[in-house]
Amino acid sequence: MRRQDYFGQGSGGVLRLHEKDGKRHDVPAHHRAAAVLDAYREAAEFKEPKAALFQTVDPAGRRLTGRALERRVVLAMIKRRAAAAGLPPSTCCHTFRATGISSRP
């Protein structure tokens, strides 16, 4: 995702998802997710709208590098947090995608 794929609309936030064949879906963000993303965006001080939204952090852990998080790093984070929460080892990124698609507001 790019910085421009999350934006405010009305009193909430919207995530723009890019699907196959160039399809785009604007999905309202849960109010808690929007609050966290707003704080993150403000602290990150993004200057470029096409900058990666989720970036790696420098070795000192103080600044974003401008490089996007790699898929395998994201999966490793999810696996660690899933294990800590007692979720099954099969938990992955798509577990949450399916939850988001099937949940009702």
C-alpha atoms as a PDB file:
ATOM      1  CA  MET A   1       0.000   0.000   0.000  1.00  0.00           C
ATOM      2  CA  ARG A   2       1.066   3.537  -0.643  1.00  0.00           C
ATOM      3  CA  ARG A   3       0.585   6.597   1.562  1.00  0.00           C
ATOM      4  CA  GLN A   4      -2.164   7.775  -0.786  1.00  0.00           C
ATOM      5  CA  ASP A   5      -4.096   4.494  -0.274  1.00  0.00           C
ATOM      6  CA  TYR A   6      -5.255   5.643   3.169  1.00  0.00           C
ATOM      7  CA  PHE A   7      -7.171   8.890   3.416  1.00  0.00           C
ATOM      8  CA  GLY A   8      -9.781  10.652   5.494  1.00  0.00           C
ATOM      9  CA  GLN A   9     -13.336  10.859   4.292  1.00  0.00           C
ATOM     10  CA  GLY A  10     -15.973  12.535   6.410  1.00  0.00           C
ATOM     11  CA  SER A  11     -15.382  11.585  10.036  1.00  0.00           C
ATOM     12  CA  GLY A  12     -13.480   8.363   9.263  1.00  0.00           C
ATOM     13  CA  GLY A  13     -10.690   6.856   7.240  1.00  0.00           C
ATOM     14  CA  VAL A  14     -10.772   4.871   4.012  1.00  0.00           C
ATOM     15  CA  LEU A  15      -8.366   2.229   2.736  1.00  0.00           C
ATOM     16  CA  ARG A  16      -8.057   1.932  -1.034  1.00  0.00           C
ATOM     17  CA  LEU A  17      -7.393  -1.679  -1.971  1.00  0.00           C
ATOM     18  CA  HIS A  18      -5.948  -2.502  -5.376  1.00  0.00           C
ATOM     19  CA  GLU A  19      -7.275  -5.746  -6.799  1.00  0.00           C
ATOM     20  CA  LYS A  20      -6.501  -7.736  -9.924  1.00  0.00           C
ATOM     21  CA  ASP A  21      -7.135  -6.172 -13.334  1.00  0.00           C
ATOM     22  CA  GLY A  22      -6.743  -2.643 -11.953  1.00  0.00           C
ATOM     23  CA  LYS A  23      -9.899  -2.791  -9.833  1.00  0.00           C
ATOM     24  CA  ARG A  24      -9.959  -0.549  -6.779  1.00  0.00           C
ATOM     25  CA  HIS A  25     -12.148  -0.856  -3.703  1.00  0.00           C
ATOM     26  CA  ASP A  26     -12.503   1.900  -1.129  1.00  0.00           C
ATOM     27  CA  VAL A  27     -13.160   0.262   2.229  1.00  0.00           C
ATOM     28  CA  PRO A  28     -14.098   2.244   5.346  1.00  0.00           C
ATOM     29  CA  ALA A  29     -11.536   1.729   8.105  1.00  0.00           C
ATOM     30  CA  HIS A  30     -12.740   0.729  11.572  1.00  0.00           C
ATOM     31  CA  HIS A  31     -12.591   3.779  13.840  1.00  0.00           C
ATOM     32  CA  ARG A  32      -9.781   2.262  15.934  1.00  0.00           C
ATOM     33  CA  ALA A  33      -7.739   1.387  12.838  1.00  0.00           C
ATOM     34  CA  ALA A  34      -8.319   4.899  11.474  1.00  0.00           C
ATOM     35  CA  ALA A  35      -7.119   6.462  14.742  1.00  0.00           C
ATOM     36  CA  VAL A  36      -3.919   4.384  14.701  1.00  0.00           C
ATOM     37  CA  LEU A  37      -3.280   5.052  10.998  1.00  0.00           C
ATOM     38  CA  ASP A  38      -3.875   8.788  11.471  1.00  0.00           C
ATOM     39  CA  ALA A  39      -1.367   8.911  14.357  1.00  0.00           C
ATOM     40  CA  TYR A  40       1.152   6.821  12.393  1.00  0.00           C
ATOM     41  CA  ARG A  41       0.842   9.012   9.297  1.00  0.00           C
ATOM     42  CA  GLU A  42       1.277  12.165  11.358  1.00  0.00           C
ATOM     43  CA  ALA A  43       4.350  10.808  13.169  1.00  0.00           C
ATOM     44  CA  ALA A  44       5.860   9.494   9.920  1.00  0.00           C
ATOM     45  CA  GLU A  45       5.601  12.916   8.267  1.00  0.00           C
ATOM     46  CA  PHE A  46       5.227  11.440   4.787  1.00  0.00           C
ATOM     47  CA  LYS A  47       6.127  13.928   2.094  1.00  0.00           C
ATOM     48  CA  GLU A  48       5.555  11.788  -0.995  1.00  0.00           C
ATOM     49  CA  PRO A  49       2.010  10.456  -1.651  1.00  0.00           C
ATOM     50  CA  LYS A  50       3.421   7.403  -3.435  1.00  0.00           C
ATOM     51  CA  ALA A  51       5.706   6.472  -0.534  1.00  0.00           C
ATOM     52  CA  ALA A  52       5.150   3.010   0.936  1.00  0.00           C
ATOM     53  CA  LEU A  53       2.625   3.271   3.762  1.00  0.00           C
ATOM     54  CA  PHE A  54       4.269   0.550   5.851  1.00  0.00           C
ATOM     55  CA  GLN A  55       8.052   0.920   5.877  1.00  0.00           C
ATOM     56  CA  THR A  56      11.052  -0.667   7.504  1.00  0.00           C
ATOM     57  CA  VAL A  57      12.739   1.123  10.408  1.00  0.00           C
ATOM     58  CA  ASP A  58      16.429   2.026  10.610  1.00  0.00           C
ATOM     59  CA  PRO A  59      18.684  -0.192  12.783  1.00  0.00           C
ATOM     60  CA  ALA A  60      18.402   2.231  15.700  1.00  0.00           C
ATOM     61  CA  GLY A  61      14.613   1.951  15.513  1.00  0.00           C
ATOM     62  CA  ARG A  62      14.139   5.700  15.287  1.00  0.00           C
ATOM     63  CA  ARG A  63      13.216   6.538  11.697  1.00  0.00           C
ATOM     64  CA  LEU A  64      11.402   5.037   8.749  1.00  0.00           C
ATOM     65  CA  THR A  65      13.732   4.116   5.895  1.00  0.00           C
ATOM     66  CA  GLY A  66      11.428   4.760   2.953  1.00  0.00           C
ATOM     67  CA  ARG A  67      11.613   1.086   1.958  1.00  0.00           C
ATOM     68  CA  ALA A  68       8.407  -0.932   1.985  1.00  0.00           C
ATOM     69  CA  LEU A  69       8.062  -3.850   4.383  1.00  0.00           C
ATOM     70  CA  GLU A  70       8.581  -7.111   2.530  1.00  0.00           C
ATOM     71  CA  ARG A  71       5.824  -9.718   2.517  1.00  0.00           C
ATOM     72  CA  ARG A  72       7.908 -12.271   4.380  1.00  0.00           C
ATOM     73  CA  VAL A  73       8.628  -9.767   7.169  1.00  0.00           C
ATOM     74  CA  VAL A  74       4.925  -8.987   7.516  1.00  0.00           C
ATOM     75  CA  LEU A  75       4.084 -12.707   7.606  1.00  0.00           C
ATOM     76  CA  ALA A  76       6.736 -13.299  10.293  1.00  0.00           C
ATOM     77  CA  MET A  77       5.229 -10.481  12.409  1.00  0.00           C
ATOM     78  CA  ILE A  78       1.741 -11.972  12.059  1.00  0.00           C
ATOM     79  CA  LYS A  79       3.014 -15.468  12.933  1.00  0.00           C
ATOM     80  CA  ARG A  80       4.733 -14.159  16.096  1.00  0.00           C
ATOM     81  CA  ARG A  81       1.676 -12.237  17.239  1.00  0.00           C
ATOM     82  CA  ALA A  82      -0.690 -15.101  16.397  1.00  0.00           C
ATOM     83  CA  ALA A  83       1.433 -17.520  18.439  1.00  0.00           C
ATOM     84  CA  ALA A  84       1.505 -15.073  21.373  1.00  0.00           C
ATOM     85  CA  ALA A  85      -2.301 -14.815  21.185  1.00  0.00           C
ATOM     86  CA  GLY A  86      -2.723 -18.594  21.085  1.00  0.00           C
ATOM     87  CA  LEU A  87      -4.005 -18.669  17.503  1.00  0.00           C
ATOM     88  CA  PRO A  88      -3.236 -21.683  15.298  1.00  0.00           C
ATOM     89  CA  PRO A  89       0.057 -21.825  13.357  1.00  0.00           C
ATOM     90  CA  SER A  90      -1.935 -21.673  10.105  1.00  0.00           C
ATOM     91  CA  THR A  91      -2.854 -18.034  10.861  1.00  0.00           C
ATOM     92  CA  CYS A  92      -1.593 -15.788   8.065  1.00  0.00           C
ATOM     93  CA  CYS A  93      -2.323 -12.491   6.288  1.00  0.00           C
ATOM     94  CA  HIS A  94      -5.215 -14.038   4.376  1.00  0.00           C
ATOM     95  CA  THR A  95      -6.844 -15.093   7.659  1.00  0.00           C
ATOM     96  CA  PHE A  96      -7.533 -11.431   8.378  1.00  0.00           C
ATOM     97  CA  ARG A  97      -8.470 -10.637   4.794  1.00  0.00           C
ATOM     98  CA  ALA A  98     -11.197 -13.276   4.961  1.00  0.00           C
ATOM     99  CA  THR A  99     -12.352 -11.920   8.323  1.00  0.00           C
ATOM    100  CA  GLY A 100     -12.574  -8.379   6.950  1.00  0.00           C
ATOM    101  CA  ILE A 101     -14.535  -9.486   3.909  1.00  0.00           C
ATOM    102  CA  SER A 102     -17.021 -11.630   5.815  1.00  0.00           C
ATOM    103  CA  SER A 103     -17.622  -9.379   8.830  1.00  0.00           C
ATOM    104  CA  ARG A 104     -20.600  -7.074   8.919  1.00  0.00           C
ATOM    105  CA  PRO A 105     -20.522  -3.467  10.140  1.00  0.00           C
END
